[in-house]
PDB file of N, CA and C in Angstrom:
ATOM      1  N   MET A   1      30.380 -26.968 -26.240  1.00  0.00           N
ATOM      2  CA  MET A   1      29.539 -26.755 -27.390  1.00  0.00           C
ATOM      3  C   MET A   1      30.330 -25.968 -28.429  1.00  0.00           C
ATOM      4  N   ALA A   2      30.106 -26.288 -29.685  1.00  0.00           N
ATOM      5  CA  ALA A   2      30.816 -25.642 -30.778  1.00  0.00           C
ATOM      6  C   ALA A   2      30.332 -24.211 -30.953  1.00  0.00           C
ATOM      7  N   PRO A   3      31.196 -23.345 -31.470  1.00  0.00           N
ATOM      8  CA  PRO A   3      30.763 -21.981 -31.720  1.00  0.00           C
ATOM      9  C   PRO A   3      29.661 -21.944 -32.764  1.00  0.00           C
ATOM     10  N   SER A   4      28.882 -20.890 -32.746  1.00  0.00           N
ATOM     11  CA  SER A   4      27.776 -20.748 -33.680  1.00  0.00           C
ATOM     12  C   SER A   4      28.296 -20.671 -35.107  1.00  0.00           C
ATOM     13  N   PRO A   5      27.590 -21.333 -36.037  1.00  0.00           N
ATOM     14  CA  PRO A   5      28.021 -21.265 -37.428  1.00  0.00           C
ATOM     15  C   PRO A   5      27.728 -19.886 -38.010  1.00  0.00           C
ATOM     16  N   THR A   6      28.440 -19.534 -39.062  1.00  0.00           N
ATOM     17  CA  THR A   6      28.169 -18.272 -39.722  1.00  0.00           C
ATOM     18  C   THR A   6      27.062 -18.466 -40.747  1.00  0.00           C
ATOM     19  N   LEU A   7      26.382 -17.406 -41.071  1.00  0.00           N
ATOM     20  CA  LEU A   7      25.264 -17.446 -41.999  1.00  0.00           C
ATOM     21  C   LEU A   7      25.779 -17.653 -43.414  1.00  0.00           C
ATOM     22  N   PRO A   8      25.412 -18.780 -44.054  1.00  0.00           N
ATOM     23  CA  PRO A   8      25.833 -18.995 -45.440  1.00  0.00           C
ATOM     24  C   PRO A   8      25.231 -17.920 -46.338  1.00  0.00           C
ATOM     25  N   SER A   9      25.963 -17.550 -47.381  1.00  0.00           N
ATOM     26  CA  SER A   9      25.540 -16.449 -48.241  1.00  0.00           C
ATOM     27  C   SER A   9      24.292 -16.760 -49.055  1.00  0.00           C
ATOM     28  N   ASP A  10      23.988 -18.041 -49.301  1.00  0.00           N
ATOM     29  CA  ASP A  10      22.829 -18.372 -50.127  1.00  0.00           C
ATOM     30  C   ASP A  10      21.547 -18.608 -49.326  1.00  0.00           C
ATOM     31  N   ILE A  11      21.582 -18.416 -48.010  1.00  0.00           N
ATOM     32  CA  ILE A  11      20.397 -18.594 -47.169  1.00  0.00           C
ATOM     33  C   ILE A  11      19.538 -17.323 -47.264  1.00  0.00           C
ATOM     34  N   ILE A  12      18.266 -17.524 -47.607  1.00  0.00           N
ATOM     35  CA  ILE A  12      17.367 -16.372 -47.746  1.00  0.00           C
ATOM     36  C   ILE A  12      16.350 -16.294 -46.612  1.00  0.00           C
ATOM     37  N   GLY A  13      16.294 -17.322 -45.788  1.00  0.00           N
ATOM     38  CA  GLY A  13      15.372 -17.315 -44.670  1.00  0.00           C
ATOM     39  C   GLY A  13      15.318 -18.664 -43.993  1.00  0.00           C
ATOM     40  N   SER A  14      14.369 -18.805 -43.071  1.00  0.00           N
ATOM     41  CA  SER A  14      14.207 -20.067 -42.354  1.00  0.00           C
ATOM     42  C   SER A  14      12.757 -20.229 -41.972  1.00  0.00           C
ATOM     43  N   ARG A  15      12.384 -21.465 -41.688  1.00  0.00           N
ATOM     44  CA  ARG A  15      11.041 -21.718 -41.166  1.00  0.00           C
ATOM     45  C   ARG A  15      11.146 -22.742 -40.042  1.00  0.00           C
ATOM     46  N   LYS A  16      10.264 -22.573 -39.093  1.00  0.00           N
ATOM     47  CA  LYS A  16      10.268 -23.414 -37.894  1.00  0.00           C
ATOM     48  C   LYS A  16       9.643 -24.777 -38.199  1.00  0.00           C
ATOM     49  N   VAL A  17      10.298 -25.837 -37.744  1.00  0.00           N
ATOM     50  CA  VAL A  17       9.764 -27.195 -37.873  1.00  0.00           C
ATOM     51  C   VAL A  17       8.866 -27.447 -36.668  1.00  0.00           C
ATOM     52  N   GLN A  18       7.629 -27.848 -36.904  1.00  0.00           N
ATOM     53  CA  GLN A  18       6.662 -28.090 -35.833  1.00  0.00           C
ATOM     54  C   GLN A  18       6.605 -29.588 -35.512  1.00  0.00           C
ATOM     55  N   PHE A  19       6.568 -29.908 -34.225  1.00  0.00           N
ATOM     56  CA  PHE A  19       6.379 -31.283 -33.768  1.00  0.00           C
ATOM     57  C   PHE A  19       4.958 -31.372 -33.229  1.00  0.00           C
ATOM     58  N   LEU A  20       4.165 -32.286 -33.783  1.00  0.00           N
ATOM     59  CA  LEU A  20       2.747 -32.327 -33.455  1.00  0.00           C
ATOM     60  C   LEU A  20       2.384 -33.328 -32.374  1.00  0.00           C
ATOM     61  N   ASN A  21       3.088 -34.440 -32.273  1.00  0.00           N
ATOM     62  CA  ASN A  21       2.682 -35.482 -31.351  1.00  0.00           C
ATOM     63  C   ASN A  21       3.874 -35.941 -30.525  1.00  0.00           C
ATOM     64  N   ARG A  22       3.851 -35.647 -29.240  1.00  0.00           N
ATOM     65  CA  ARG A  22       4.965 -35.970 -28.350  1.00  0.00           C
ATOM     66  C   ARG A  22       5.251 -37.473 -28.302  1.00  0.00           C
ATOM     67  N   GLN A  23       4.247 -38.314 -28.256  1.00  0.00           N
ATOM     68  CA  GLN A  23       4.447 -39.752 -28.091  1.00  0.00           C
ATOM     69  C   GLN A  23       5.017 -40.419 -29.341  1.00  0.00           C
ATOM     70  N   GLU A  24       4.737 -39.891 -30.509  1.00  0.00           N
ATOM     71  CA  GLU A  24       5.132 -40.571 -31.739  1.00  0.00           C
ATOM     72  C   GLU A  24       6.280 -39.878 -32.462  1.00  0.00           C
ATOM     73  N   SER A  25       7.016 -39.047 -31.771  1.00  0.00           N
ATOM     74  CA  SER A  25       8.087 -38.313 -32.423  1.00  0.00           C
ATOM     75  C   SER A  25       9.244 -39.239 -32.796  1.00  0.00           C
ATOM     76  N   LEU A  26       9.742 -39.046 -34.004  1.00  0.00           N
ATOM     77  CA  LEU A  26      10.927 -39.769 -34.451  1.00  0.00           C
ATOM     78  C   LEU A  26      12.202 -39.079 -33.997  1.00  0.00           C
ATOM     79  N   PHE A  27      12.068 -37.871 -33.458  1.00  0.00           N
ATOM     80  CA  PHE A  27      13.212 -37.066 -33.069  1.00  0.00           C
ATOM     81  C   PHE A  27      13.058 -36.611 -31.619  1.00  0.00           C
ATOM     82  N   PRO A  28      13.243 -37.522 -30.666  1.00  0.00           N
ATOM     83  CA  PRO A  28      12.942 -37.214 -29.264  1.00  0.00           C
ATOM     84  C   PRO A  28      13.789 -36.090 -28.663  1.00  0.00           C
ATOM     85  N   HIS A  29      15.055 -35.983 -29.062  1.00  0.00           N
ATOM     86  CA  HIS A  29      15.907 -34.933 -28.493  1.00  0.00           C
ATOM     87  C   HIS A  29      15.470 -33.558 -28.983  1.00  0.00           C
ATOM     88  N   LEU A  30      15.147 -33.458 -30.268  1.00  0.00           N
ATOM     89  CA  LEU A  30      14.675 -32.188 -30.817  1.00  0.00           C
ATOM     90  C   LEU A  30      13.326 -31.808 -30.218  1.00  0.00           C
ATOM     91  N   LEU A  31      12.461 -32.790 -30.066  1.00  0.00           N
ATOM     92  CA  LEU A  31      11.142 -32.550 -29.470  1.00  0.00           C
ATOM     93  C   LEU A  31      11.289 -32.045 -28.044  1.00  0.00           C
ATOM     94  N   ARG A  32      12.152 -32.668 -27.281  1.00  0.00           N
ATOM     95  CA  ARG A  32      12.337 -32.275 -25.880  1.00  0.00           C
ATOM     96  C   ARG A  32      12.820 -30.840 -25.758  1.00  0.00           C
ATOM     97  N   LEU A  33      13.831 -30.478 -26.542  1.00  0.00           N
ATOM     98  CA  LEU A  33      14.363 -29.122 -26.445  1.00  0.00           C
ATOM     99  C   LEU A  33      13.390 -28.077 -26.979  1.00  0.00           C
ATOM    100  N   SER A  34      12.581 -28.444 -27.961  1.00  0.00           N
ATOM    101  CA  SER A  34      11.636 -27.460 -28.499  1.00  0.00           C
ATOM    102  C   SER A  34      10.375 -27.333 -27.653  1.00  0.00           C
ATOM    103  N   MET A  35       9.947 -28.397 -26.994  1.00  0.00           N
ATOM    104  CA  MET A  35       8.723 -28.321 -26.201  1.00  0.00           C
ATOM    105  C   MET A  35       8.980 -27.981 -24.734  1.00  0.00           C
ATOM    106  N   ASP A  36      10.065 -28.480 -24.163  1.00  0.00           N
ATOM    107  CA  ASP A  36      10.331 -28.264 -22.737  1.00  0.00           C
ATOM    108  C   ASP A  36      11.201 -27.041 -22.476  1.00  0.00           C
ATOM    109  N   PHE A  37      11.913 -26.574 -23.486  1.00  0.00           N
ATOM    110  CA  PHE A  37      12.744 -25.383 -23.383  1.00  0.00           C
ATOM    111  C   PHE A  37      12.363 -24.484 -24.553  1.00  0.00           C
ATOM    112  N   SER A  38      12.995 -23.364 -24.690  1.00  0.00           N
ATOM    113  CA  SER A  38      12.578 -22.437 -25.747  1.00  0.00           C
ATOM    114  C   SER A  38      13.482 -22.499 -26.981  1.00  0.00           C
ATOM    115  N   PHE A  39      13.865 -23.698 -27.390  1.00  0.00           N
ATOM    116  CA  PHE A  39      14.655 -23.867 -28.606  1.00  0.00           C
ATOM    117  C   PHE A  39      13.727 -24.069 -29.792  1.00  0.00           C
ATOM    118  N   HIS A  40      14.257 -23.809 -30.983  1.00  0.00           N
ATOM    119  CA  HIS A  40      13.483 -23.964 -32.212  1.00  0.00           C
ATOM    120  C   HIS A  40      14.309 -24.755 -33.218  1.00  0.00           C
ATOM    121  N   VAL A  41      13.673 -25.724 -33.864  1.00  0.00           N
ATOM    122  CA  VAL A  41      14.301 -26.462 -34.951  1.00  0.00           C
ATOM    123  C   VAL A  41      13.936 -25.725 -36.226  1.00  0.00           C
ATOM    124  N   LEU A  42      14.953 -25.325 -36.985  1.00  0.00           N
ATOM    125  CA  LEU A  42      14.728 -24.519 -38.178  1.00  0.00           C
ATOM    126  C   LEU A  42      15.182 -25.244 -39.432  1.00  0.00           C
ATOM    127  N   GLU A  43      14.372 -25.126 -40.477  1.00  0.00           N
ATOM    128  CA  GLU A  43      14.765 -25.559 -41.814  1.00  0.00           C
ATOM    129  C   GLU A  43      15.191 -24.297 -42.552  1.00  0.00           C
ATOM    130  N   LEU A  44      16.394 -24.303 -43.090  1.00  0.00           N
ATOM    131  CA  LEU A  44      16.909 -23.121 -43.775  1.00  0.00           C
ATOM    132  C   LEU A  44      16.465 -23.121 -45.226  1.00  0.00           C
ATOM    133  N   LEU A  45      16.076 -21.965 -45.701  1.00  0.00           N
ATOM    134  CA  LEU A  45      15.626 -21.780 -47.073  1.00  0.00           C
ATOM    135  C   LEU A  45      16.766 -21.169 -47.869  1.00  0.00           C
ATOM    136  N   SER A  46      17.095 -21.799 -48.984  1.00  0.00           N
ATOM    137  CA  SER A  46      18.272 -21.412 -49.755  1.00  0.00           C
ATOM    138  C   SER A  46      17.892 -20.950 -51.157  1.00  0.00           C
ATOM    139  N   ASN A  47      18.756 -20.112 -51.750  1.00  0.00           N
ATOM    140  CA  ASN A  47      18.624 -19.725 -53.155  1.00  0.00           C
ATOM    141  C   ASN A  47      18.987 -20.878 -54.080  1.00  0.00           C
ATOM    142  N   SER A  48      19.761 -21.824 -53.586  1.00  0.00           N
ATOM    143  CA  SER A  48      20.271 -22.933 -54.389  1.00  0.00           C
ATOM    144  C   SER A  48      19.442 -24.191 -54.161  1.00  0.00           C
ATOM    145  N   PRO A  49      18.533 -24.527 -55.071  1.00  0.00           N
ATOM    146  CA  PRO A  49      17.719 -25.730 -54.871  1.00  0.00           C
ATOM    147  C   PRO A  49      18.538 -27.022 -54.862  1.00  0.00           C
ATOM    148  N   GLU A  50      19.675 -27.049 -55.559  1.00  0.00           N
ATOM    149  CA  GLU A  50      20.511 -28.255 -55.584  1.00  0.00           C
ATOM    150  C   GLU A  50      21.224 -28.485 -54.258  1.00  0.00           C
ATOM    151  N   LYS A  51      21.277 -27.489 -53.410  1.00  0.00           N
ATOM    152  CA  LYS A  51      21.952 -27.625 -52.120  1.00  0.00           C
ATOM    153  C   LYS A  51      21.183 -28.546 -51.170  1.00  0.00           C
ATOM    154  N   GLY A  52      19.879 -28.636 -51.320  1.00  0.00           N
ATOM    155  CA  GLY A  52      19.072 -29.481 -50.452  1.00  0.00           C
ATOM    156  C   GLY A  52      18.700 -28.773 -49.164  1.00  0.00           C
ATOM    157  N   LYS A  53      17.965 -29.467 -48.329  1.00  0.00           N
ATOM    158  CA  LYS A  53      17.511 -28.898 -47.068  1.00  0.00           C
ATOM    159  C   LYS A  53      18.633 -28.921 -46.042  1.00  0.00           C
ATOM    160  N   GLN A  54      18.612 -27.925 -45.163  1.00  0.00           N
ATOM    161  CA  GLN A  54      19.552 -27.865 -44.054  1.00  0.00           C
ATOM    162  C   GLN A  54      18.773 -27.516 -42.805  1.00  0.00           C
ATOM    163  N   TYR A  55      19.189 -28.119 -41.683  1.00  0.00           N
ATOM    164  CA  TYR A  55      18.487 -27.931 -40.415  1.00  0.00           C
ATOM    165  C   TYR A  55      19.471 -27.531 -39.326  1.00  0.00           C
ATOM    166  N   THR A  56      18.970 -26.762 -38.361  1.00  0.00           N
ATOM    167  CA  THR A  56      19.770 -26.368 -37.210  1.00  0.00           C
ATOM    168  C   THR A  56      18.860 -26.170 -36.003  1.00  0.00           C
ATOM    169  N   LEU A  57      19.445 -26.179 -34.832  1.00  0.00           N
ATOM    170  CA  LEU A  57      18.744 -25.854 -33.598  1.00  0.00           C
ATOM    171  C   LEU A  57      19.132 -24.430 -33.246  1.00  0.00           C
ATOM    172  N   ALA A  58      18.137 -23.588 -32.949  1.00  0.00           N
ATOM    173  CA  ALA A  58      18.394 -22.179 -32.673  1.00  0.00           C
ATOM    174  C   ALA A  58      17.679 -21.742 -31.406  1.00  0.00           C
ATOM    175  N   ALA A  59      18.158 -20.654 -30.847  1.00  0.00           N
ATOM    176  CA  ALA A  59      17.573 -20.113 -29.627  1.00  0.00           C
ATOM    177  C   ALA A  59      16.385 -19.203 -29.914  1.00  0.00           C
ATOM    178  N   ASP A  60      16.095 -18.946 -31.169  1.00  0.00           N
ATOM    179  CA  ASP A  60      14.951 -18.116 -31.554  1.00  0.00           C
ATOM    180  C   ASP A  60      14.318 -18.740 -32.792  1.00  0.00           C
ATOM    181  N   ASP A  61      13.159 -18.205 -33.228  1.00  0.00           N
ATOM    182  CA  ASP A  61      12.455 -18.830 -34.336  1.00  0.00           C
ATOM    183  C   ASP A  61      12.880 -18.303 -35.705  1.00  0.00           C
ATOM    184  N   PHE A  62      14.056 -17.692 -35.777  1.00  0.00           N
ATOM    185  CA  PHE A  62      14.657 -17.297 -37.044  1.00  0.00           C
ATOM    186  C   PHE A  62      16.145 -17.604 -36.964  1.00  0.00           C
ATOM    187  N   PHE A  63      16.790 -17.725 -38.099  1.00  0.00           N
ATOM    188  CA  PHE A  63      18.205 -18.103 -38.132  1.00  0.00           C
ATOM    189  C   PHE A  63      19.082 -16.891 -38.358  1.00  0.00           C
ATOM    190  N   ASN A  64      20.071 -16.727 -37.512  1.00  0.00           N
ATOM    191  CA  ASN A  64      21.178 -15.807 -37.769  1.00  0.00           C
ATOM    192  C   ASN A  64      22.414 -16.395 -37.092  1.00  0.00           C
ATOM    193  N   GLU A  65      23.539 -15.754 -37.297  1.00  0.00           N
ATOM    194  CA  GLU A  65      24.790 -16.354 -36.809  1.00  0.00           C
ATOM    195  C   GLU A  65      24.950 -16.304 -35.306  1.00  0.00           C
ATOM    196  N   THR A  66      24.126 -15.546 -34.590  1.00  0.00           N
ATOM    197  CA  THR A  66      24.278 -15.474 -33.140  1.00  0.00           C
ATOM    198  C   THR A  66      23.331 -16.377 -32.376  1.00  0.00           C
ATOM    199  N   ASN A  67      22.240 -16.835 -32.983  1.00  0.00           N
ATOM    200  CA  ASN A  67      21.302 -17.651 -32.220  1.00  0.00           C
ATOM    201  C   ASN A  67      21.341 -19.133 -32.575  1.00  0.00           C
ATOM    202  N   ALA A  68      22.176 -19.532 -33.528  1.00  0.00           N
ATOM    203  CA  ALA A  68      22.298 -20.945 -33.884  1.00  0.00           C
ATOM    204  C   ALA A  68      23.069 -21.673 -32.798  1.00  0.00           C
ATOM    205  N   VAL A  69      22.529 -22.794 -32.349  1.00  0.00           N
ATOM    206  CA  VAL A  69      23.141 -23.579 -31.277  1.00  0.00           C
ATOM    207  C   VAL A  69      23.963 -24.730 -31.842  1.00  0.00           C
ATOM    208  N   THR A  70      23.613 -25.193 -33.030  1.00  0.00           N
ATOM    209  CA  THR A  70      24.293 -26.328 -33.650  1.00  0.00           C
ATOM    210  C   THR A  70      24.791 -25.945 -35.040  1.00  0.00           C
ATOM    211  N   PRO A  71      25.705 -26.739 -35.576  1.00  0.00           N
ATOM    212  CA  PRO A  71      26.060 -26.568 -36.989  1.00  0.00           C
ATOM    213  C   PRO A  71      24.863 -26.950 -37.865  1.00  0.00           C
ATOM    214  N   LEU A  72      24.997 -26.783 -39.166  1.00  0.00           N
ATOM    215  CA  LEU A  72      23.934 -27.153 -40.103  1.00  0.00           C
ATOM    216  C   LEU A  72      24.036 -28.636 -40.436  1.00  0.00           C
ATOM    217  N   PHE A  73      22.874 -29.301 -40.538  1.00  0.00           N
ATOM    218  CA  PHE A  73      22.806 -30.716 -40.889  1.00  0.00           C
ATOM    219  C   PHE A  73      21.848 -30.898 -42.051  1.00  0.00           C
ATOM    220  N   SER A  74      22.077 -31.935 -42.855  1.00  0.00           N
ATOM    221  CA  SER A  74      21.254 -32.154 -44.037  1.00  0.00           C
ATOM    222  C   SER A  74      19.990 -32.960 -43.754  1.00  0.00           C
ATOM    223  N   SER A  75      19.832 -33.461 -42.527  1.00  0.00           N
ATOM    224  CA  SER A  75      18.599 -34.184 -42.183  1.00  0.00           C
ATOM    225  C   SER A  75      18.268 -33.964 -40.707  1.00  0.00           C
ATOM    226  N   LEU A  76      16.987 -34.120 -40.400  1.00  0.00           N
ATOM    227  CA  LEU A  76      16.557 -34.019 -39.011  1.00  0.00           C
ATOM    228  C   LEU A  76      17.138 -35.149 -38.173  1.00  0.00           C
ATOM    229  N   HIS A  77      17.319 -36.312 -38.781  1.00  0.00           N
ATOM    230  CA  HIS A  77      17.902 -37.449 -38.067  1.00  0.00           C
ATOM    231  C   HIS A  77      19.325 -37.119 -37.592  1.00  0.00           C
ATOM    232  N   GLU A  78      20.148 -36.542 -38.475  1.00  0.00           N
ATOM    233  CA  GLU A  78      21.515 -36.161 -38.097  1.00  0.00           C
ATOM    234  C   GLU A  78      21.512 -35.091 -37.015  1.00  0.00           C
ATOM    235  N   LEU A  79      20.615 -34.106 -37.143  1.00  0.00           N
ATOM    236  CA  LEU A  79      20.519 -33.056 -36.133  1.00  0.00           C
ATOM    237  C   LEU A  79      20.093 -33.637 -34.790  1.00  0.00           C
ATOM    238  N   ASN A  80      19.111 -34.531 -34.790  1.00  0.00           N
ATOM    239  CA  ASN A  80      18.643 -35.171 -33.562  1.00  0.00           C
ATOM    240  C   ASN A  80      19.762 -35.955 -32.887  1.00  0.00           C
ATOM    241  N   GLN A  81      20.561 -36.668 -33.681  1.00  0.00           N
ATOM    242  CA  GLN A  81      21.672 -37.443 -33.136  1.00  0.00           C
ATOM    243  C   GLN A  81      22.719 -36.513 -32.510  1.00  0.00           C
ATOM    244  N   HIS A  82      23.050 -35.440 -33.191  1.00  0.00           N
ATOM    245  CA  HIS A  82      24.025 -34.480 -32.662  1.00  0.00           C
ATOM    246  C   HIS A  82      23.518 -33.851 -31.366  1.00  0.00           C
ATOM    247  N   VAL A  83      22.252 -33.456 -31.340  1.00  0.00           N
ATOM    248  CA  VAL A  83      21.682 -32.841 -30.144  1.00  0.00           C
ATOM    249  C   VAL A  83      21.693 -33.833 -28.988  1.00  0.00           C
ATOM    250  N   GLY A  84      21.393 -35.098 -29.253  1.00  0.00           N
ATOM    251  CA  GLY A  84      21.440 -36.113 -28.213  1.00  0.00           C
ATOM    252  C   GLY A  84      22.830 -36.256 -27.620  1.00  0.00           C
ATOM    253  N   GLU A  85      23.848 -36.186 -28.472  1.00  0.00           N
ATOM    254  CA  GLU A  85      25.236 -36.312 -28.008  1.00  0.00           C
ATOM    255  C   GLU A  85      25.716 -35.066 -27.262  1.00  0.00           C
ATOM    256  N   GLN A  86      25.162 -33.898 -27.591  1.00  0.00           N
ATOM    257  CA  GLN A  86      25.603 -32.635 -27.012  1.00  0.00           C
ATOM    258  C   GLN A  86      24.595 -32.025 -26.040  1.00  0.00           C
ATOM    259  N   MET A  87      23.584 -32.790 -25.634  1.00  0.00           N
ATOM    260  CA  MET A  87      22.477 -32.271 -24.823  1.00  0.00           C
ATOM    261  C   MET A  87      22.964 -31.577 -23.543  1.00  0.00           C
ATOM    262  N   VAL A  88      23.906 -32.165 -22.835  1.00  0.00           N
ATOM    263  CA  VAL A  88      24.376 -31.591 -21.579  1.00  0.00           C
ATOM    264  C   VAL A  88      25.006 -30.223 -21.830  1.00  0.00           C
ATOM    265  N   ASP A  89      25.848 -30.119 -22.834  1.00  0.00           N
ATOM    266  CA  ASP A  89      26.496 -28.839 -23.135  1.00  0.00           C
ATOM    267  C   ASP A  89      25.489 -27.791 -23.597  1.00  0.00           C
ATOM    268  N   ILE A  90      24.541 -28.196 -24.424  1.00  0.00           N
ATOM    269  CA  ILE A  90      23.520 -27.267 -24.918  1.00  0.00           C
ATOM    270  C   ILE A  90      22.704 -26.721 -23.756  1.00  0.00           C
ATOM    271  N   LEU A  91      22.235 -27.606 -22.871  1.00  0.00           N
ATOM    272  CA  LEU A  91      21.418 -27.159 -21.742  1.00  0.00           C
ATOM    273  C   LEU A  91      22.241 -26.374 -20.721  1.00  0.00           C
ATOM    274  N   HIS A  92      23.493 -26.738 -20.521  1.00  0.00           N
ATOM    275  CA  HIS A  92      24.348 -25.993 -19.599  1.00  0.00           C
ATOM    276  C   HIS A  92      24.495 -24.551 -20.068  1.00  0.00           C
ATOM    277  N   ASP A  93      24.809 -24.373 -21.347  1.00  0.00           N
ATOM    278  CA  ASP A  93      24.960 -23.020 -21.879  1.00  0.00           C
ATOM    279  C   ASP A  93      23.640 -22.258 -21.851  1.00  0.00           C
ATOM    280  N   TYR A  94      22.535 -22.945 -22.091  1.00  0.00           N
ATOM    281  CA  TYR A  94      21.217 -22.306 -22.073  1.00  0.00           C
ATOM    282  C   TYR A  94      20.837 -21.865 -20.660  1.00  0.00           C
ATOM    283  N   LEU A  95      21.050 -22.742 -19.684  1.00  0.00           N
ATOM    284  CA  LEU A  95      20.628 -22.458 -18.317  1.00  0.00           C
ATOM    285  C   LEU A  95      21.578 -21.543 -17.568  1.00  0.00           C
ATOM    286  N   PHE A  96      22.873 -21.679 -17.799  1.00  0.00           N
ATOM    287  CA  PHE A  96      23.861 -20.941 -17.022  1.00  0.00           C
ATOM    288  C   PHE A  96      24.662 -19.935 -17.835  1.00  0.00           C
ATOM    289  N   GLY A  97      24.532 -19.961 -19.139  1.00  0.00           N
ATOM    290  CA  GLY A  97      25.323 -19.070 -19.982  1.00  0.00           C
ATOM    291  C   GLY A  97      26.751 -19.537 -20.067  1.00  0.00           C
ATOM    292  N   LEU A  98      27.542 -18.824 -20.829  1.00  0.00           N
ATOM    293  CA  LEU A  98      28.956 -19.147 -20.965  1.00  0.00           C
ATOM    294  C   LEU A  98      29.664 -18.768 -19.677  1.00  0.00           C
ATOM    295  N   GLN A  99      30.270 -19.734 -19.041  1.00  0.00           N
ATOM    296  CA  GLN A  99      30.955 -19.504 -17.777  1.00  0.00           C
ATOM    297  C   GLN A  99      32.349 -18.942 -18.027  1.00  0.00           C
ATOM    298  N   GLU A 100      32.853 -18.187 -17.077  1.00  0.00           N
ATOM    299  CA  GLU A 100      34.183 -17.587 -17.192  1.00  0.00           C
ATOM    300  C   GLU A 100      35.263 -18.645 -17.423  1.00  0.00           C
ATOM    301  N   GLU A 101      35.180 -19.772 -16.711  1.00  0.00           N
ATOM    302  CA  GLU A 101      36.195 -20.813 -16.875  1.00  0.00           C
ATOM    303  C   GLU A 101      36.094 -21.509 -18.231  1.00  0.00           C
ATOM    304  N   ASP A 102      34.907 -21.462 -18.874  1.00  0.00           N
ATOM    305  CA  ASP A 102      34.777 -22.015 -20.217  1.00  0.00           C
ATOM    306  C   ASP A 102      35.501 -21.130 -21.234  1.00  0.00           C
ATOM    307  N   ALA A 103      35.456 -19.833 -21.012  1.00  0.00           N
ATOM    308  CA  ALA A 103      36.066 -18.895 -21.942  1.00  0.00           C
ATOM    309  C   ALA A 103      37.583 -18.812 -21.767  1.00  0.00           C
ATOM    310  N   HIS A 104      38.066 -18.958 -20.533  1.00  0.00           N
ATOM    311  CA  HIS A 104      39.496 -18.845 -20.247  1.00  0.00           C
ATOM    312  C   HIS A 104      39.933 -20.004 -19.352  1.00  0.00           C
ATOM    313  N   PRO A 105      40.233 -21.159 -19.955  1.00  0.00           N
ATOM    314  CA  PRO A 105      40.663 -22.290 -19.128  1.00  0.00           C
ATOM    315  C   PRO A 105      41.980 -21.981 -18.419  1.00  0.00           C
ATOM    316  N   GLU A 106      42.142 -22.582 -17.248  1.00  0.00           N
ATOM    317  CA  GLU A 106      43.357 -22.369 -16.466  1.00  0.00           C
ATOM    318  C   GLU A 106      44.549 -22.965 -17.197  1.00  0.00           C
ATOM    319  N   GLN A 107      45.684 -22.305 -17.075  1.00  0.00           N
ATOM    320  CA  GLN A 107      46.887 -22.818 -17.674  1.00  0.00           C
ATOM    321  C   GLN A 107      47.436 -23.953 -16.833  1.00  0.00           C
ATOM    322  N   SER A 108      48.003 -24.918 -17.495  1.00  0.00           N
ATOM    323  CA  SER A 108      48.631 -26.035 -16.804  1.00  0.00           C
ATOM    324  C   SER A 108      50.119 -25.761 -16.673  1.00  0.00           C
ATOM    325  N   TYR A 109      50.618 -25.873 -15.458  1.00  0.00           N
ATOM    326  CA  TYR A 109      52.030 -25.663 -15.222  1.00  0.00           C
ATOM    327  C   TYR A 109      52.773 -26.971 -14.979  1.00  0.00           C
ATOM    328  N   ALA A 110      52.158 -28.078 -15.321  1.00  0.00           N
ATOM    329  CA  ALA A 110      52.790 -29.378 -15.075  1.00  0.00           C
ATOM    330  C   ALA A 110      53.833 -29.698 -16.125  1.00  0.00           C
TER     331      ALA A 110
END
C-alpha cells in the first residue's frame, strides 16, 4: 500500500460520503470497506472551487495526513477502482498493521 498522502494546503475540511443502499451501490468496494469495516469515504472541501472535488478512503471520519489510506482521486469511480485493485493490501494493513518485514525487506545476496 502506498504511503499516506500529505494534507494539501488548500483543504479546509472533509465530509463523509454516505452509502444508503447496499444492493444498488455503484461503488461496491467502497461500500464494503465502509459498511463491513471501519473505513470512511471522504469528500475533501477546498478553498479553491476550480480544483473540483477530491475523494479518499480514510481510517477515521475526518481527513489528515496520518489516517488517509489512499491517494486523492477526482471521482468516486476512480477511488472505487483503486480500492478494488488494492483491497488485499488495505485490509492486510488494517487487520495486521504494518509488519516488520514490510518495513525492512531482507537484503538479497544473490
